[in-house]
Protein backbone atom coordinates (compact mmCIF):
# COMPACT_ATOMS: atom_id res chain seq x y z
CA MET A 1 113.18 101.69 202.48
CA LEU A 2 110.16 102.36 200.57
CA HIS A 3 110.13 103.22 196.75
CA ASN A 4 108.12 103.26 193.82
CA THR A 5 107.54 100.18 191.59
CA GLU A 6 106.09 100.14 188.29
CA SER A 7 104.97 96.65 188.32
CA SER A 8 105.16 93.33 190.29
CA THR A 9 106.78 90.24 189.00
CA ARG A 10 104.97 87.84 191.26
CA SER A 11 102.35 85.66 189.72
CA SER A 12 98.54 85.76 190.94
CA PRO A 13 96.61 82.73 191.79
CA THR A 14 94.57 81.27 188.90
CA GLY A 15 91.75 80.16 191.36
CA ALA A 16 90.63 81.44 194.87
CA THR A 17 91.04 78.47 197.16
CA SER A 18 92.09 80.41 200.22
CA LEU A 19 91.56 83.81 201.83
CA SER A 20 94.68 85.15 200.42
CA ASP A 21 93.95 83.70 196.94
CA GLY A 22 90.66 85.71 196.85
CA ALA A 23 92.16 88.94 198.25
CA LEU A 24 94.96 88.64 195.68
CA MET A 25 92.58 88.11 192.77
CA ARG A 26 90.43 91.27 193.80
CA LEU A 27 93.56 93.42 193.92
CA GLN A 28 94.80 92.52 190.37
CA GLY A 29 93.08 95.66 188.97
CA LEU A 30 94.72 97.80 191.53
CA PHE A 31 98.15 96.18 191.08
CA SER A 32 97.93 97.09 187.33
CA SER A 33 96.54 100.60 187.64
CA PRO A 34 96.91 102.02 191.03
CA GLU A 35 96.87 105.54 189.74
CA LYS A 36 93.21 105.03 188.75
CA TYR A 37 92.23 104.94 192.45
CA LEU A 38 94.78 107.59 193.24
CA ALA A 39 97.01 104.95 195.02
CA THR A 40 100.63 104.38 194.94
CA LEU A 41 102.29 100.82 194.73
CA LEU A 42 105.40 100.57 196.70
CA ASN A 43 108.02 98.27 197.71
CA CYS A 44 109.71 97.82 201.18
CA SER A 45 112.32 95.17 201.35
CA GLY A 46 110.37 92.88 198.83
CA THR A 47 107.03 93.58 200.54
CA ARG A 48 104.50 94.79 198.14
CA ILE A 49 102.86 98.08 199.74
CA LEU A 50 99.78 99.69 198.44
CA ASP A 51 99.61 103.30 199.82
CA CYS A 52 95.74 103.90 199.68
CA GLY A 53 95.79 107.13 201.71
CA VAL A 54 98.72 107.96 203.76
CA GLU A 55 100.77 109.94 201.21
CA THR A 56 98.25 109.62 198.27
CA GLN A 57 94.63 110.58 198.33
CA GLY A 58 92.76 107.44 197.62
CA THR A 59 89.24 107.29 196.64
CA ALA A 60 85.80 105.70 198.12
CA GLU A 61 85.97 103.06 195.27
CA LEU A 62 89.53 102.13 196.44
CA GLY A 63 88.04 101.52 199.92
CA VAL A 64 85.43 98.95 198.29
CA ILE A 65 88.53 97.13 197.07
CA MET A 66 89.98 97.10 200.46
CA ALA A 67 87.04 95.94 201.91
CA ASP A 68 86.60 93.12 199.60
CA ALA A 69 90.23 92.13 199.99
CA ALA A 70 89.92 92.34 203.80
CA MET A 71 87.28 89.59 203.53
CA GLY A 72 89.58 87.41 201.44
CA GLY A 73 87.20 87.60 198.50
CA ARG A 74 84.51 85.89 200.41
CA GLY A 75 82.24 88.98 200.51
CA ARG A 76 81.21 91.90 198.37
CA THR A 77 80.91 95.50 199.12
CA ASP A 78 78.79 98.22 197.34
CA LEU A 79 78.45 101.97 197.70
CA ILE A 80 74.76 102.65 197.04
CA SER A 81 72.11 105.13 197.61
CA ALA A 82 69.61 104.34 200.51
CA GLU A 83 66.78 104.64 198.27
CA GLU A 84 67.96 101.38 196.43
CA LEU A 85 67.58 99.39 199.52
CA SER A 86 63.78 98.62 199.77
CA PHE A 87 63.97 97.14 203.21
CA LEU A 88 65.69 100.16 204.57
CA SER A 89 62.38 102.23 203.81
CA ASN A 90 60.73 100.24 206.57
CA ILE A 91 63.39 100.97 209.14
CA TRP A 92 65.01 104.44 208.08
CA PRO A 93 62.74 106.02 205.48
CA GLU A 94 64.72 109.21 205.20
CA CYS A 95 68.28 108.13 205.45
CA PRO A 96 70.03 110.94 203.67
CA TRP A 97 73.38 109.46 203.25
CA PRO A 98 74.63 106.86 200.92
CA VAL A 99 75.11 103.51 202.49
CA VAL A 100 78.03 100.85 202.38
CA GLN A 101 76.56 97.41 201.83
CA VAL A 102 78.40 94.22 202.48
CA CYS A 103 77.20 90.67 201.52
CA SER A 104 78.79 87.20 202.12
CA ASP A 105 77.86 83.70 201.73
CA ASP A 106 80.44 82.67 204.08
CA PRO A 107 80.40 85.34 206.75
CA VAL A 108 82.48 83.46 209.35
CA SER A 109 85.42 83.02 207.20
CA ALA A 110 85.06 86.42 205.61
CA CYS A 111 84.57 88.48 208.83
CA LEU A 112 86.20 86.55 211.41
CA ALA A 113 89.13 85.01 209.99
CA SER A 114 90.00 87.68 207.81
CA GLN A 115 88.12 91.08 208.23
CA TYR A 116 88.09 91.52 211.97
CA ALA A 117 90.91 93.83 213.17
CA GLY A 118 92.12 91.19 215.45
CA TRP A 119 95.50 92.56 216.78
CA GLN A 120 97.25 96.14 217.36
CA ILE A 121 100.77 96.27 215.78
CA ASN A 122 102.80 98.27 218.32
CA HIS A 123 106.33 98.24 216.99
CA LYS A 124 108.39 101.19 218.30
CA ASN A 125 107.26 104.20 216.83
CA PHE A 126 104.90 102.35 214.52
CA LYS A 127 101.11 101.60 215.46
CA ALA A 128 98.32 100.09 213.39
CA MET A 129 95.35 97.96 213.69
CA ALA A 130 95.77 94.78 211.52
CA SER A 131 93.26 92.94 209.67
CA GLY A 132 92.93 90.85 206.53
CA PRO A 133 93.89 87.30 205.10
CA ILE A 134 97.13 87.40 206.94
CA ARG A 135 95.23 86.79 210.23
CA ALA A 136 94.39 83.47 209.18
CA ALA A 137 98.14 82.72 208.00
CA ILE A 138 99.36 83.88 211.50
CA ALA A 139 96.36 82.53 213.43
CA LYS A 140 97.77 83.31 216.83
CA GLU A 141 94.66 84.95 218.14
CA PRO A 142 92.64 82.91 220.48
CA ILE A 143 89.47 82.98 218.05
CA PHE A 144 91.41 80.69 215.53
CA LYS A 145 91.08 78.09 218.33
CA LYS A 146 87.30 78.08 217.99
CA ILE A 147 86.57 79.08 214.21
CA SER A 148 89.09 76.48 212.90
CA ARG A 149 90.10 78.50 209.79
CA ARG A 150 93.92 78.61 209.81
CA GLU A 151 95.57 78.76 206.40
CA GLN A 152 99.07 78.13 205.06
CA PRO A 153 99.07 80.35 201.89
CA HIS A 154 102.19 80.64 199.46
CA GLU A 155 101.29 84.51 199.42
CA THR A 156 99.11 86.64 201.77
CA VAL A 157 97.61 90.15 202.11
CA GLY A 158 97.05 92.38 205.37
CA LEU A 159 95.27 95.70 205.81
CA LEU A 160 97.02 98.24 208.20
CA GLU A 161 94.71 101.04 209.50
CA THR A 162 97.34 103.71 210.43
CA ASN A 163 98.43 107.06 209.30
CA GLN A 164 102.08 105.79 208.65
CA LEU A 165 103.73 103.60 206.04
CA PRO A 166 105.24 100.41 207.65
CA PRO A 167 109.01 100.49 208.28
CA GLU A 168 111.24 97.52 206.97
CA SER A 169 111.06 96.03 210.56
CA VAL A 170 107.35 95.45 210.78
CA CYS A 171 107.31 93.89 207.02
CA HIS A 172 109.83 91.42 208.12
CA GLU A 173 108.15 90.75 211.46
CA LEU A 174 104.83 90.21 209.68
CA ALA A 175 106.44 87.89 207.14
CA SER A 176 107.95 85.95 210.01
CA LEU A 177 104.78 85.50 211.88
CA ALA A 178 103.14 84.37 208.72
CA GLY A 179 106.03 81.64 207.86
CA LEU A 180 106.46 83.73 204.64
CA SER A 181 109.36 85.62 202.92
CA SER A 182 108.74 89.69 202.74
CA ARG A 183 108.25 89.13 199.01
CA ASP A 184 105.08 87.26 199.71
CA ILE A 185 103.52 89.66 201.76
CA THR A 186 101.18 92.38 200.43
CA LEU A 187 100.15 95.37 202.72
CA LEU A 188 97.20 97.81 201.97
CA VAL A 189 97.72 100.92 204.30
CA ALA A 190 95.39 103.66 204.79
CA PRO A 191 94.29 105.94 207.79
CA THR A 192 90.74 106.12 208.93
CA LYS A 193 90.36 109.74 207.73
CA SER A 194 91.08 108.87 204.28
CA PRO A 195 88.24 108.17 201.71
CA ALA A 196 89.36 104.65 201.36
CA GLY A 197 89.82 104.35 205.05
CA VAL A 198 86.48 105.48 205.91
CA VAL A 199 84.62 102.90 203.48
CA GLN A 200 86.66 100.00 204.55
CA VAL A 201 85.91 100.39 208.38
CA VAL A 202 82.12 101.30 207.73
CA ALA A 203 82.07 98.21 205.59
CA ARG A 204 82.75 96.08 208.91
CA SER A 205 79.04 96.37 210.07
CA LEU A 206 78.54 92.38 209.55
CA GLU A 207 81.78 91.70 211.15
CA THR A 208 80.66 93.28 214.26
CA ALA A 209 77.76 91.41 214.59
CA LEU A 210 79.50 88.07 214.07
CA HIS A 211 81.97 88.97 216.53
CA GLN A 212 79.61 89.96 219.21
CA LEU A 213 77.62 86.65 218.66
CA HIS A 214 80.99 84.70 219.07
CA GLU A 215 81.70 86.61 222.36
CA HIS A 216 78.36 85.68 223.51
CA GLY A 217 79.06 81.75 222.49
CA PHE A 218 76.76 81.60 219.67
CA ASP A 219 77.19 78.44 217.29
CA LEU A 220 78.68 80.39 214.49
CA GLU A 221 78.20 77.40 211.94
CA ARG A 222 74.67 78.06 212.27
CA ILE A 223 75.33 81.22 209.96
CA VAL A 224 74.54 80.54 206.51
CA ARG A 225 74.87 84.01 204.96
CA GLY A 226 74.87 87.54 206.03
CA MET A 227 74.40 91.08 204.91
CA GLY A 228 75.12 94.54 206.56
CA VAL A 229 74.64 98.23 205.63
CA ALA A 230 75.76 101.34 207.48
CA PRO A 231 75.65 104.97 206.41
CA LEU A 232 78.92 106.52 204.68
CA PRO A 233 80.18 109.78 206.70
CA PRO A 234 81.05 112.83 204.57
CA GLU A 235 84.77 113.51 204.02
CA MET A 236 86.68 114.68 206.95
CA GLN A 237 90.22 115.97 207.84
CA ASP A 238 90.54 115.25 211.28
CA SER A 239 91.72 111.91 212.53
CA LEU A 240 89.61 111.77 215.89
CA ALA A 241 86.44 112.78 214.10
CA ALA A 242 87.04 110.26 211.54
CA VAL A 243 87.32 107.47 214.09
CA GLY A 244 83.97 108.97 215.93
CA CYS A 245 82.15 108.88 212.67
CA VAL A 246 82.86 105.39 211.10
CA ASN A 247 82.14 103.90 214.75
CA ASP A 248 78.85 105.85 215.10
CA ALA A 249 77.72 104.81 211.51
CA ILE A 250 77.81 101.11 212.53
CA LEU A 251 76.82 101.50 216.32
CA TYR A 252 73.84 103.74 215.63
CA GLY A 253 73.02 103.22 211.96
CA GLY A 254 74.34 99.67 211.01
CA ILE A 255 71.82 96.95 210.19
CA VAL A 256 72.69 93.49 209.95
CA GLN A 257 70.52 90.64 208.61
CA LEU A 258 71.88 86.94 209.06
CA GLU A 259 70.21 83.69 207.54
CA VAL A 260 70.87 80.91 210.29
CA THR A 261 69.39 77.38 211.09
CA GLY A 262 68.49 75.89 214.31
CA ASP A 263 65.98 76.84 217.07
CA ASP A 264 64.25 80.20 217.62
CA ARG A 265 64.60 80.24 221.42
CA SER A 266 68.32 80.74 221.37
CA LEU A 267 68.00 83.69 218.95
CA GLU A 268 65.54 85.18 221.19
CA ALA A 269 67.84 84.97 223.89
CA ILE A 270 70.92 86.16 222.45
CA GLY A 271 69.66 88.82 220.16
CA PRO A 272 69.15 91.67 222.58
CA HIS A 273 72.93 91.16 223.80
CA ALA A 274 74.57 91.45 220.24
CA VAL A 275 73.43 94.99 219.55
CA SER A 276 75.01 98.27 220.46
CA SER A 277 71.94 99.40 222.75
CA TYR A 278 73.01 96.63 225.10
CA SER A 279 75.90 98.71 226.09
CA ASN A 280 75.45 101.30 228.77
CA LEU A 281 77.42 103.68 226.79
CA HIS A 282 74.99 103.56 224.06
CA GLY A 283 73.68 106.97 223.05
CA ASN A 284 77.02 108.82 223.49
CA LEU A 285 79.20 110.15 220.45
CA PHE A 286 81.91 107.59 219.82
CA SER A 287 84.53 110.56 219.62
CA HIS A 288 83.85 111.71 223.21
CA LEU A 289 83.95 108.02 224.46
CA PHE A 290 87.25 107.67 222.68
CA LYS A 291 88.68 110.86 224.28
CA GLN A 292 87.58 109.62 227.54
CA ALA A 293 89.30 106.40 227.15
CA ASN A 294 92.69 107.99 225.94
CA GLN A 295 92.02 106.80 222.50
CA ASP A 296 92.27 103.27 223.68
CA PHE A 297 89.60 100.88 222.05
CA TYR A 298 90.24 98.24 224.48
CA ALA A 299 89.25 100.62 227.39
CA LEU A 300 85.76 100.79 226.19
CA ASP A 301 82.92 98.35 226.84
CA PRO A 302 83.11 95.59 224.12
CA ALA A 303 79.54 95.33 224.02
CA LEU A 304 79.22 98.87 222.49
CA PHE A 305 80.96 97.42 219.11
CA ALA A 306 77.88 95.89 217.61
CA PRO A 307 75.34 96.97 214.97
CA ALA A 308 72.47 99.15 215.78
CA ILE A 309 70.02 96.48 214.48
CA LEU A 310 70.47 92.77 214.22
CA GLU A 311 67.85 90.53 212.17
CA PHE A 312 67.71 86.66 212.04
CA LYS A 313 66.02 84.70 209.23
CA ASN A 314 65.69 80.99 210.57
CA LEU A 315 65.78 79.03 207.61
CA ASP A 316 64.44 76.03 209.34
CA SER A 317 61.53 77.80 211.02
CA GLY A 318 60.74 80.55 208.58
CA ASN A 319 60.64 83.12 211.67
CA TYR A 320 61.96 86.53 211.61
CA HIS A 321 63.62 88.06 214.78
CA ARG A 322 64.55 92.04 215.14
CA PHE A 323 66.63 93.56 217.82
CA GLY A 324 67.95 96.87 218.65
CA LEU A 325 67.31 100.35 217.04
CA ILE A 326 68.98 103.08 214.93
CA SER A 327 69.56 106.46 216.35
CA PRO A 328 69.28 108.71 213.45
CA ASP A 329 69.82 112.06 215.60
CA VAL A 330 73.16 110.61 216.93
CA ILE A 331 74.32 110.01 213.51
CA GLU A 332 73.49 113.32 212.28
CA LYS A 333 75.18 115.12 215.12
CA SER A 334 78.20 112.98 214.66
CA PHE A 335 78.29 113.60 210.87
CA SER A 336 77.61 117.39 210.96
CA ALA A 337 80.50 117.69 213.23
CA THR A 338 82.96 116.85 210.70
CA HIS A 339 82.11 120.05 208.59
């Protein structure tokens, strides 16, 4: 059963030594003043739940906190105007929307061990896309066999992208999978269409690039740091439109820059395959494709889920490599359809 709770009696870590620690440290201000972000702190059989947009309004700033927590404190998210990014003027000189920027000095841990929505919860009448440090605590996904970033935290944090608050059964199941008690789990919950939900999804531009590189067999340990930006869609009320816009923002306007080591030839070989234009579905509004796929992400071409542009800076050779292209006309069509 869910009910309001004034405060939490659980202590927070004093130093972020794990993804879970990093997320909990980033959430301290939200725990103490959820009303500041139009969020609600709830308790579900001991599990601490932050309603970030299901039965509450939530804010874009709340989405920034969610995105940082999703990366386990190993990345930083900012909402900024396009004019503030000098490099963007060379690629997209007239970007009319604010952008969501994400930076990380440990992007493999931040994005693939934590932020990536690695599995879908499908529990009776409850469905959600799950992400966050809880993935590294559960570590059942095949990707953890390659990135070797499993963790055994004392407490952990998960994000649920859904328009429902989780029932007790889901809270207990997640705790069991993580090897923890229900009271050691914190869940941040928001639907895609909410202000916080939009920001935390658009903040996954860097993650999409790393996931594509992983799928194509790139040595992820070559990645030293990364940065991604994508335009922020306007507020919307329709769930399908929201899913379409946040994906279009990354697929057609997402720009990712990676600092890497090693040879240039492998970068030239893999780059064209790690951008959204490699997919034969490229150019279509995501909402249309999603409808055709009966709203099943897994029925779509996996190659589509990539940034519009991927840039490598080779720290060993000093060379730059750029692949892909932005599609402002597609984004304009997508974003204008929300009004």
